[in-house]
């Protein structure tokens, strides 16, 4: 009998090389997932599995369910709970993985390194009276939104699988338990640096910063001040990321510093949602009572979080604190221009502009202002501009007609044809996004009726968001104007 016959996990394709566990032990606690009663596979992302070099067929069954539920560990896994802190709604808290276990780092045949994390895998030393478990609904929500973000071309963690546990979890109501397998370039957060800074572990902080550069920004190794360049690189990544959120109407909902990853990926899809009618004050999260993380506040919150990161790096920037502070402040002042550059670059593509003119920003802002005044749907309006004769009352409004004359005059000043502009716009203005009511319909069917068919149809529509397919028409319609939608974090 071969070793593969003896070990059903051997043929699944896992290839772990766990560099994070070679860092100082102040950054983690070794912790195995807590086994569950009856693991069953609810969803497997076969496309993602294949891209990771995993054998989807061997994972799509009881052996895979046992791995994704934490009952069986693949060879080479070295499970840990990571330590980190975070400013949650502006208040500093020592945190850590209270319901997640990092199995290890899977390295693909192309040399790409990915964290494989189980979310909802039981209590850890960081659980703080929590049960360490997760309910099926929030785990399915993260699967839906993270895969939608990936299809939209936005840097994001991804979802490999959802496994049910056969055990209940008790929140406001009793719900089915589930575990999400999350794939990330890494889980190094602003809060990871805050954790070490709060404990005055400067040596460990330097080791973490050097590790972060080796893993994500190796080109910085020879920089004159590599730690300052690390701050600048993270700033650039966050400017790119948050503008990409704004371009599709996405509201993260809980932009705490423990939810800002230094690799530049969107992470932690809790009370997130996509905006229907355009309004910068839009908030969906039930816990964001003051609108701190509203759609229009996301750029300033990103800079606030980056300032917290800069504070942790001060001992590394210069031996004199006063000079370190000056360096950090001067670098942070670059963020608004970084953000503006990425925002206008994206808006030009959404408006079909191949060239750059000084008036482009005011052209885009004027359209957004008209949309806000009219209560126009953000996604449908921008997608409608790709049509030669867009339909809808907004497009017949006097204000819009004046704007359109200005826009068409701008288009005429570039050499590309109108059809080339429409092709560019259709590649940057999605026809389909995770409309809130469609997400809720799919989650209700899955959690209340044990019916995953609506969810799988939704995922199919979201996998090609820039294609306007007739069979996906129902996923384009926004909610009624009087709909009151709220999201919950699911913890």
Protein backbone atom coordinates (compact mmCIF):
# COMPACT_ATOMS: atom_id res chain seq x y z
CA UNK A 1 0.00 0.00 0.00
CA UNK A 2 1.42 3.40 -1.01
CA UNK A 3 1.81 6.30 1.41
CA UNK A 4 -0.86 8.16 -0.57
CA UNK A 5 -3.29 5.28 -0.04
CA UNK A 6 -2.55 5.38 3.67
CA UNK A 7 -3.05 9.16 3.88
CA UNK A 8 -6.13 10.44 2.02
CA UNK A 9 -4.83 14.04 2.38
CA UNK A 10 -1.56 13.34 0.57
CA UNK A 11 -3.07 13.71 -2.88
CA UNK A 12 -4.82 17.00 -2.27
CA UNK A 13 -1.87 19.09 -3.39
CA UNK A 14 -1.03 21.04 -0.24
CA UNK A 15 2.49 22.48 -0.14
CA UNK A 16 3.10 24.30 3.16
CA UNK A 17 6.12 26.43 4.00
CA UNK A 18 5.31 28.38 7.15
CA UNK A 19 7.55 31.41 7.36
CA UNK A 20 5.37 33.32 9.85
CA UNK A 21 5.96 30.72 12.56
CA UNK A 22 9.68 31.40 12.25
CA UNK A 23 9.08 34.94 13.54
CA UNK A 24 9.19 35.85 17.26
CA UNK A 25 6.60 33.97 19.29
CA UNK A 26 5.20 37.25 20.56
CA UNK A 27 3.28 37.32 17.26
CA UNK A 28 1.29 34.10 17.64
CA UNK A 29 0.23 31.18 19.76
CA UNK A 30 0.35 27.63 18.44
CA UNK A 31 -3.22 26.39 18.48
CA UNK A 32 -5.02 23.59 16.68
CA UNK A 33 -8.57 24.02 15.41
CA UNK A 34 -11.23 22.59 17.71
CA UNK A 35 -12.74 19.50 16.05
CA UNK A 36 -16.42 19.63 15.11
CA UNK A 37 -19.14 17.03 15.36
CA UNK A 38 -20.23 16.50 11.76
CA UNK A 39 -18.26 18.35 9.05
CA UNK A 40 -19.94 18.65 5.68
CA UNK A 41 -18.89 20.66 2.65
CA UNK A 42 -21.34 23.40 1.71
CA UNK A 43 -19.27 25.18 -0.95
CA UNK A 44 -15.97 24.51 -2.66
CA UNK A 45 -14.35 27.09 -4.92
CA UNK A 46 -13.04 24.74 -7.57
CA UNK A 47 -11.60 27.53 -9.72
CA UNK A 48 -9.58 28.89 -6.79
CA UNK A 49 -8.50 25.39 -5.77
CA UNK A 50 -7.16 24.75 -9.28
CA UNK A 51 -5.28 28.07 -9.33
CA UNK A 52 -3.63 27.08 -6.04
CA UNK A 53 -2.55 23.74 -7.50
CA UNK A 54 -4.96 21.78 -5.30
CA UNK A 55 -6.91 18.74 -6.47
CA UNK A 56 -10.51 19.92 -6.36
CA UNK A 57 -11.88 16.42 -6.92
CA UNK A 58 -10.14 15.04 -3.83
CA UNK A 59 -11.25 18.05 -1.78
CA UNK A 60 -14.88 17.84 -2.89
CA UNK A 61 -16.00 15.22 -0.41
CA UNK A 62 -15.67 13.99 3.18
CA UNK A 63 -11.86 14.26 3.25
CA UNK A 64 -12.02 17.86 2.08
CA UNK A 65 -14.79 18.66 4.54
CA UNK A 66 -12.64 17.31 7.37
CA UNK A 67 -9.78 19.61 6.35
CA UNK A 68 -11.97 22.68 5.89
CA UNK A 69 -13.64 22.08 9.26
CA UNK A 70 -10.32 21.66 11.04
CA UNK A 71 -10.79 18.01 11.99
CA UNK A 72 -7.86 16.83 9.86
CA UNK A 73 -4.67 18.81 9.27
CA UNK A 74 -2.87 18.57 5.93
CA UNK A 75 0.77 17.50 6.03
CA UNK A 76 3.00 20.49 6.70
CA UNK A 77 0.37 22.61 8.40
CA UNK A 78 1.55 24.40 11.54
CA UNK A 79 -1.64 25.95 12.97
CA UNK A 80 -1.45 29.19 14.94
CA UNK A 81 -3.66 31.97 16.25
CA UNK A 82 -2.13 35.30 15.31
CA UNK A 83 -1.75 38.14 17.79
CA UNK A 84 -2.71 41.69 16.85
CA UNK A 85 -4.37 44.78 18.23
CA UNK A 86 -6.67 47.32 16.63
CA UNK A 87 -8.40 50.64 16.80
CA UNK A 88 -12.06 49.63 16.65
CA UNK A 89 -14.24 52.65 15.86
CA UNK A 90 -11.31 54.76 17.08
CA UNK A 91 -10.75 52.93 20.39
CA UNK A 92 -7.59 50.88 20.92
CA UNK A 93 -8.01 47.22 21.92
CA UNK A 94 -5.64 44.26 22.25
CA UNK A 95 -7.12 41.53 20.08
CA UNK A 96 -5.85 38.46 18.23
CA UNK A 97 -7.47 35.59 16.32
CA UNK A 98 -10.37 34.83 18.60
CA UNK A 99 -12.13 32.52 16.16
CA UNK A 100 -9.60 31.86 13.42
CA UNK A 101 -6.64 29.55 12.93
CA UNK A 102 -3.92 30.05 10.33
CA UNK A 103 -3.13 26.55 9.07
CA UNK A 104 0.01 27.77 7.32
CA UNK A 105 1.31 29.17 4.06
CA UNK A 106 0.61 27.25 0.87
CA UNK A 107 3.16 27.81 -1.90
CA UNK A 108 2.02 27.24 -5.48
CA UNK A 109 4.08 25.80 -8.32
CA UNK A 110 4.54 29.42 -9.50
CA UNK A 111 6.12 30.33 -6.18
CA UNK A 112 3.13 32.32 -4.95
CA UNK A 113 2.63 32.24 -1.19
CA UNK A 114 -0.85 32.29 0.38
CA UNK A 115 -2.11 32.11 3.94
CA UNK A 116 -4.73 29.39 4.46
CA UNK A 117 -6.94 30.37 7.37
CA UNK A 118 -9.95 28.70 8.98
CA UNK A 119 -12.47 31.25 10.24
CA UNK A 120 -14.87 29.98 12.91
CA UNK A 121 -12.60 27.15 14.00
CA UNK A 122 -13.08 27.35 17.78
CA UNK A 123 -11.72 29.06 20.84
CA UNK A 124 -8.16 30.35 21.09
CA UNK A 125 -6.28 32.19 23.85
CA UNK A 126 -7.55 35.41 22.23
CA UNK A 127 -11.27 34.53 22.29
CA UNK A 128 -12.13 36.75 25.28
CA UNK A 129 -15.27 34.89 26.43
CA UNK A 130 -16.30 34.17 22.83
CA UNK A 131 -17.08 30.68 21.59
CA UNK A 132 -14.70 30.95 18.65
CA UNK A 133 -17.36 29.78 16.24
CA UNK A 134 -19.15 31.32 13.27
CA UNK A 135 -22.64 31.02 11.86
CA UNK A 136 -23.36 29.79 8.35
CA UNK A 137 -24.96 33.03 7.11
CA UNK A 138 -21.96 35.34 7.71
CA UNK A 139 -19.53 32.79 6.29
CA UNK A 140 -21.60 32.48 3.12
CA UNK A 141 -21.80 36.28 2.94
CA UNK A 142 -18.00 36.54 3.02
CA UNK A 143 -17.77 33.88 0.32
CA UNK A 144 -20.20 35.81 -1.91
CA UNK A 145 -18.68 39.26 -1.44
CA UNK A 146 -15.03 38.27 -1.58
CA UNK A 147 -15.55 36.32 -4.80
CA UNK A 148 -17.56 39.21 -6.26
CA UNK A 149 -14.72 41.60 -5.41
CA UNK A 150 -12.24 39.29 -7.10
CA UNK A 151 -14.35 39.19 -10.26
CA UNK A 152 -14.51 43.01 -10.19
CA UNK A 153 -10.72 43.10 -10.24
CA UNK A 154 -10.34 44.46 -6.71
CA UNK A 155 -7.48 43.11 -4.55
CA UNK A 156 -9.08 40.85 -1.98
CA UNK A 157 -8.79 37.83 0.22
CA UNK A 158 -10.68 34.94 -1.32
CA UNK A 159 -12.88 32.10 -0.13
CA UNK A 160 -11.85 28.52 -0.84
CA UNK A 161 -14.61 26.66 0.98
CA UNK A 162 -17.41 26.77 3.52
CA UNK A 163 -17.95 23.71 5.70
CA UNK A 164 -20.82 23.23 8.10
CA UNK A 165 -19.99 21.84 11.53
CA UNK A 166 -23.14 19.96 12.56
CA UNK A 167 -23.15 22.11 15.71
CA UNK A 168 -25.29 25.13 16.61
CA UNK A 169 -23.94 28.58 17.43
CA UNK A 170 -25.87 30.89 19.71
CA UNK A 171 -26.17 34.56 18.80
CA UNK A 172 -29.43 36.52 18.90
CA UNK A 173 -30.90 33.24 17.69
CA UNK A 174 -29.56 29.70 17.38
CA UNK A 175 -27.96 29.19 13.98
CA UNK A 176 -26.08 26.50 12.09
CA UNK A 177 -22.33 26.59 12.64
CA UNK A 178 -19.88 26.90 9.75
CA UNK A 179 -16.21 27.49 8.99
CA UNK A 180 -14.84 29.55 6.12
CA UNK A 181 -11.47 28.78 4.54
CA UNK A 182 -9.95 32.14 3.68
CA UNK A 183 -7.00 32.57 1.29
CA UNK A 184 -4.89 35.73 1.65
CA UNK A 185 -1.55 37.03 0.48
CA UNK A 186 -1.01 37.46 4.21
CA UNK A 187 -2.87 38.45 7.37
CA UNK A 188 -0.33 41.07 8.47
CA UNK A 189 -2.40 44.03 9.58
CA UNK A 190 -1.85 47.55 10.83
CA UNK A 191 -3.04 46.04 14.10
CA UNK A 192 -0.20 43.52 14.05
CA UNK A 193 2.27 46.38 14.25
CA UNK A 194 0.14 48.11 16.88
CA UNK A 195 0.25 44.98 19.03
CA UNK A 196 4.05 44.97 19.18
CA UNK A 197 4.27 48.73 19.62
CA UNK A 198 1.85 48.64 22.54
CA UNK A 199 4.06 46.01 24.21
CA UNK A 200 7.23 48.03 23.51
CA UNK A 201 8.75 45.16 21.54
CA UNK A 202 10.87 47.28 19.20
CA UNK A 203 13.19 44.45 18.21
CA UNK A 204 10.26 42.25 17.25
CA UNK A 205 8.70 45.20 15.42
CA UNK A 206 11.84 45.57 13.30
CA UNK A 207 11.78 41.84 12.53
CA UNK A 208 8.12 42.05 11.51
CA UNK A 209 8.74 45.08 9.29
CA UNK A 210 11.68 43.36 7.58
CA UNK A 211 9.58 40.23 7.11
CA UNK A 212 6.72 42.26 5.61
CA UNK A 213 9.12 43.83 3.12
CA UNK A 214 10.61 40.46 2.14
CA UNK A 215 7.18 38.96 1.65
CA UNK A 216 5.35 41.82 -0.08
CA UNK A 217 7.79 44.55 -1.06
CA UNK A 218 11.19 42.93 -1.76
CA UNK A 219 12.17 45.84 -4.01
CA UNK A 220 12.52 48.02 -0.88
CA UNK A 221 15.45 46.07 0.55
CA UNK A 222 18.05 48.41 -0.91
CA UNK A 223 16.22 51.66 -0.14
CA UNK A 224 18.03 54.34 1.84
CA UNK A 225 15.32 54.24 4.52
CA UNK A 226 13.46 50.97 3.84
CA UNK A 227 11.01 51.38 6.73
CA UNK A 228 9.91 54.79 5.44
CA UNK A 229 9.51 53.29 1.98
CA UNK A 230 7.45 50.48 3.52
CA UNK A 231 5.06 53.09 4.88
CA UNK A 232 4.89 54.78 1.49
CA UNK A 233 4.28 51.47 -0.32
CA UNK A 234 1.44 50.54 2.04
CA UNK A 235 -0.05 54.01 1.56
CA UNK A 236 0.04 53.55 -2.21
CA UNK A 237 -1.64 50.17 -1.92
CA UNK A 238 -4.39 51.51 0.31
CA UNK A 239 -5.00 54.48 -1.97
CA UNK A 240 -5.39 52.07 -4.88
CA UNK A 241 -7.62 49.73 -2.86
CA UNK A 242 -10.03 52.25 -1.36
CA UNK A 243 -10.49 54.10 -4.65
CA UNK A 244 -11.39 50.77 -6.24
CA UNK A 245 -14.06 50.39 -3.54
CA UNK A 246 -15.48 53.82 -4.35
CA UNK A 247 -15.52 53.08 -8.06
CA UNK A 248 -17.97 50.20 -7.57
CA UNK A 249 -19.98 51.67 -4.68
CA UNK A 250 -18.60 49.31 -2.04
CA UNK A 251 -18.82 50.13 1.67
CA UNK A 252 -16.57 48.02 3.89
CA UNK A 253 -18.47 48.89 7.03
CA UNK A 254 -15.79 48.19 9.65
CA UNK A 255 -12.50 49.82 8.65
CA UNK A 256 -10.79 49.19 11.97
CA UNK A 257 -6.99 49.04 11.92
CA UNK A 258 -7.12 45.28 12.46
CA UNK A 259 -8.99 45.08 9.14
CA UNK A 260 -6.32 46.90 7.10
CA UNK A 261 -3.91 44.40 5.56
CA UNK A 262 -0.44 45.62 4.62
CA UNK A 263 -0.50 43.52 1.45
CA UNK A 264 -3.22 45.83 0.07
CA UNK A 265 -6.08 43.33 -0.06
CA UNK A 266 -9.63 43.84 1.17
CA UNK A 267 -10.10 41.74 4.27
CA UNK A 268 -12.94 40.84 6.63
CA UNK A 269 -16.31 41.06 4.91
CA UNK A 270 -18.59 41.59 7.88
CA UNK A 271 -21.25 44.33 7.70
CA UNK A 272 -20.24 45.30 4.15
CA UNK A 273 -22.61 46.16 1.32
CA UNK A 274 -22.88 47.85 -2.07
CA UNK A 275 -24.62 51.19 -2.46
CA UNK A 276 -27.75 51.51 -4.61
CA UNK A 277 -28.66 55.22 -4.85
CA UNK A 278 -25.56 57.39 -4.84
CA UNK A 279 -25.05 59.18 -1.53
CA UNK A 280 -21.66 59.65 0.17
CA UNK A 281 -23.35 59.41 3.59
CA UNK A 282 -24.57 55.86 2.95
CA UNK A 283 -24.09 53.49 5.89
CA UNK A 284 -25.44 49.96 6.17
CA UNK A 285 -23.67 48.58 9.23
CA UNK A 286 -25.89 48.27 12.29
CA UNK A 287 -22.91 48.92 14.57
CA UNK A 288 -21.76 52.10 12.77
CA UNK A 289 -24.27 54.36 14.48
CA UNK A 290 -22.36 57.60 13.83
CA UNK A 291 -21.40 56.91 10.22
CA UNK A 292 -17.68 56.75 10.91
CA UNK A 293 -17.24 54.26 8.06
CA UNK A 294 -19.78 55.74 5.63
CA UNK A 295 -19.06 55.42 1.89
CA UNK A 296 -17.66 58.94 1.58
CA UNK A 297 -15.59 58.71 4.77
CA UNK A 298 -13.52 55.74 3.62
CA UNK A 299 -10.62 57.80 2.17
CA UNK A 300 -10.14 59.81 5.38
CA UNK A 301 -10.42 56.69 7.52
CA UNK A 302 -7.76 55.00 5.38
CA UNK A 303 -5.43 57.92 6.09
CA UNK A 304 -6.32 57.78 9.80
CA UNK A 305 -5.40 54.09 9.89
CA UNK A 306 -2.17 54.73 8.02
CA UNK A 307 -1.28 57.35 10.61
CA UNK A 308 -1.62 54.68 13.28
CA UNK A 309 0.77 52.48 11.28
CA UNK A 310 3.24 55.35 10.96
CA UNK A 311 3.19 55.82 14.73
CA UNK A 312 4.30 52.24 15.26
CA UNK A 313 7.18 52.65 12.80
CA UNK A 314 8.66 55.76 14.42
CA UNK A 315 11.46 53.87 16.29
CA UNK A 316 12.54 52.38 12.95
CA UNK A 317 12.41 55.57 10.87
CA UNK A 318 15.12 57.50 12.73
CA UNK A 319 17.03 57.19 15.99
CA UNK A 320 15.75 60.62 17.03
CA UNK A 321 11.99 60.62 17.69
CA UNK A 322 11.58 64.23 16.58
CA UNK A 323 13.16 63.53 13.20
CA UNK A 324 11.22 60.27 12.84
CA UNK A 325 7.98 62.18 13.42
CA UNK A 326 8.88 64.74 10.73
CA UNK A 327 9.64 61.96 8.24
CA UNK A 328 6.36 60.20 9.01
CA UNK A 329 4.30 63.38 8.77
CA UNK A 330 5.86 64.43 5.48
CA UNK A 331 5.18 60.99 4.02
CA UNK A 332 1.60 60.85 5.27
CA UNK A 333 0.94 64.19 3.59
CA UNK A 334 1.46 62.44 0.26
CA UNK A 335 -1.64 60.29 0.73
CA UNK A 336 -4.30 62.74 -0.55
CA UNK A 337 -2.44 63.14 -3.84
CA UNK A 338 -1.96 59.35 -4.12
CA UNK A 339 -5.66 58.92 -3.56
CA UNK A 340 -6.65 61.65 -6.01
CA UNK A 341 -4.43 60.12 -8.70
CA UNK A 342 -5.94 56.65 -8.37
CA UNK A 343 -9.47 58.04 -8.10
CA UNK A 344 -9.33 60.17 -11.23
CA UNK A 345 -7.56 57.42 -13.15
CA UNK A 346 -10.43 55.08 -12.39
CA UNK A 347 -13.10 57.69 -13.10
CA UNK A 348 -11.56 58.47 -16.47
CA UNK A 349 -11.91 54.80 -17.42
CA UNK A 350 -15.50 54.77 -16.16
CA UNK A 351 -16.25 57.81 -18.35
CA UNK A 352 -14.48 56.44 -21.42
CA UNK A 353 -11.55 58.87 -21.30
CA UNK A 354 -8.22 57.70 -22.67
CA UNK A 355 -6.40 61.00 -22.19
CA UNK A 356 -6.00 63.32 -19.22
CA UNK A 357 -7.26 66.89 -18.94
CA UNK A 358 -7.39 69.16 -15.92
CA UNK A 359 -11.19 69.41 -15.99
CA UNK A 360 -11.75 65.64 -15.75
CA UNK A 361 -12.14 65.64 -11.96
CA UNK A 362 -14.81 68.35 -12.04
CA UNK A 363 -16.57 66.50 -14.86
CA UNK A 364 -16.75 63.36 -12.73
CA UNK A 365 -17.76 65.21 -9.57
CA UNK A 366 -20.52 67.07 -11.39
CA UNK A 367 -22.04 63.77 -12.52
CA UNK A 368 -21.88 62.40 -8.96
CA UNK A 369 -23.52 65.56 -7.63
CA UNK A 370 -26.37 65.19 -10.14
CA UNK A 371 -26.76 61.52 -9.19
CA UNK A 372 -26.96 62.41 -5.50
CA UNK A 373 -29.55 65.14 -6.08
CA UNK A 374 -31.68 62.79 -8.17
CA UNK A 375 -31.22 59.70 -5.98
CA UNK A 376 -29.95 57.90 -9.08
CA UNK A 377 -28.65 54.36 -8.83
CA UNK A 378 -24.85 54.48 -8.90
CA UNK A 379 -24.19 51.26 -10.80
CA UNK A 380 -27.05 51.52 -13.29
CA UNK A 381 -26.30 55.16 -14.10
CA UNK A 382 -22.66 54.56 -14.91
CA UNK A 383 -23.47 51.40 -16.85
CA UNK A 384 -26.17 53.33 -18.69
CA UNK A 385 -23.59 55.75 -20.04
CA UNK A 386 -22.18 52.89 -22.11
CA UNK A 387 -25.38 52.79 -24.17
CA UNK A 388 -25.83 55.04 -27.21
CA UNK A 389 -29.32 56.01 -25.99
CA UNK A 390 -29.45 55.37 -22.22
CA UNK A 391 -32.90 54.75 -20.75
CA UNK A 392 -34.38 56.14 -17.56
CA UNK A 393 -35.73 59.43 -16.24
CA UNK A 394 -32.34 60.55 -14.92
CA UNK A 395 -30.90 60.62 -18.43
CA UNK A 396 -33.72 62.97 -19.54
CA UNK A 397 -33.16 65.42 -16.69
CA UNK A 398 -32.15 68.94 -17.73
CA UNK A 399 -29.10 68.92 -15.48
CA UNK A 400 -27.90 65.64 -16.91
CA UNK A 401 -28.47 66.82 -20.48
CA UNK A 402 -26.20 69.80 -19.86
CA UNK A 403 -23.60 67.51 -18.29
CA UNK A 404 -23.83 65.16 -21.26
CA UNK A 405 -23.06 67.97 -23.69
CA UNK A 406 -19.93 68.76 -21.68
CA UNK A 407 -18.97 65.07 -21.54
CA UNK A 408 -19.47 64.53 -25.28
CA UNK A 409 -17.36 67.60 -26.02
CA UNK A 410 -14.64 66.10 -23.82
CA UNK A 411 -14.85 62.75 -25.64
CA UNK A 412 -14.53 64.55 -28.96
CA UNK A 413 -11.15 65.96 -27.90
CA UNK A 414 -9.53 62.51 -27.94
CA UNK A 415 -8.64 60.44 -30.98
CA UNK A 416 -10.44 57.25 -29.89
CA UNK A 417 -13.86 56.52 -31.41
CA UNK A 418 -17.11 56.56 -29.38
CA UNK A 419 -17.26 52.78 -29.66
CA UNK A 420 -13.74 52.46 -28.25
CA UNK A 421 -14.83 54.64 -25.34
CA UNK A 422 -17.89 52.46 -24.74
CA UNK A 423 -15.70 49.33 -24.74
CA UNK A 424 -13.45 50.94 -22.12
CA UNK A 425 -16.46 51.94 -20.04
CA UNK A 426 -18.08 48.53 -20.22
CA UNK A 427 -14.83 47.05 -18.84
CA UNK A 428 -14.93 49.37 -15.81
CA UNK A 429 -18.64 49.84 -15.08
CA UNK A 430 -20.15 46.54 -13.90
CA UNK A 431 -23.60 45.48 -14.99
CA UNK A 432 -23.97 43.19 -11.98
CA UNK A 433 -22.93 43.76 -8.36
CA UNK A 434 -23.99 41.91 -5.18
CA UNK A 435 -27.29 43.77 -4.79
CA UNK A 436 -28.23 43.69 -1.13
CA UNK A 437 -31.64 42.12 -1.51
CA UNK A 438 -30.32 39.39 -3.82
CA UNK A 439 -27.59 38.56 -1.32
CA UNK A 440 -30.17 38.33 1.46
CA UNK A 441 -32.47 36.15 -0.66
CA UNK A 442 -29.61 33.73 -1.30
CA UNK A 443 -28.57 33.67 2.36
CA UNK A 444 -32.12 33.11 3.59
CA UNK A 445 -32.62 30.20 1.19
CA UNK A 446 -29.33 28.65 2.31
CA UNK A 447 -29.75 29.12 6.06
CA UNK A 448 -33.51 28.69 6.49
CA UNK A 449 -34.33 26.18 3.74
CA UNK A 450 -30.98 24.43 3.28
CA UNK A 451 -31.21 25.42 -0.40
CA UNK A 452 -27.94 26.57 -1.96
CA UNK A 453 -29.31 26.84 -5.51
CA UNK A 454 -30.15 30.59 -5.31
CA UNK A 455 -26.71 31.31 -3.88
CA UNK A 456 -24.98 29.38 -6.64
CA UNK A 457 -27.02 31.24 -9.29
CA UNK A 458 -26.01 34.52 -7.68
CA UNK A 459 -22.35 33.49 -7.65
CA UNK A 460 -22.60 32.61 -11.33
CA UNK A 461 -23.95 36.07 -12.16
CA UNK A 462 -21.28 37.77 -10.03
CA UNK A 463 -18.47 35.83 -11.69
CA UNK A 464 -18.84 37.88 -14.91
CA UNK A 465 -19.88 41.30 -13.58
CA UNK A 466 -19.00 43.27 -16.71
CA UNK A 467 -21.12 41.09 -19.02
CA UNK A 468 -24.71 42.16 -19.56
CA UNK A 469 -26.34 38.75 -19.93
CA UNK A 470 -30.14 38.51 -20.31
CA UNK A 471 -30.34 35.61 -17.85
CA UNK A 472 -28.81 37.84 -15.17
CA UNK A 473 -31.33 40.66 -15.55
CA UNK A 474 -32.90 40.11 -12.11
CA UNK A 475 -29.53 40.70 -10.45
CA UNK A 476 -29.27 44.21 -11.91
CA UNK A 477 -32.41 45.69 -10.37
CA UNK A 478 -31.89 47.87 -7.29
CA UNK A 479 -34.02 47.72 -4.17
CA UNK A 480 -37.10 49.95 -3.88
CA UNK A 481 -36.21 53.49 -2.84
CA UNK A 482 -37.92 53.05 0.53
CA UNK A 483 -35.98 49.86 1.38
CA UNK A 484 -34.26 50.07 4.77
CA UNK A 485 -31.29 47.72 4.63
CA UNK A 486 -29.00 46.93 7.56
CA UNK A 487 -25.99 44.63 7.80
CA UNK A 488 -24.57 42.86 10.83
CA UNK A 489 -21.02 41.77 11.63
CA UNK A 490 -21.90 38.17 12.47
CA UNK A 491 -19.40 37.81 15.33
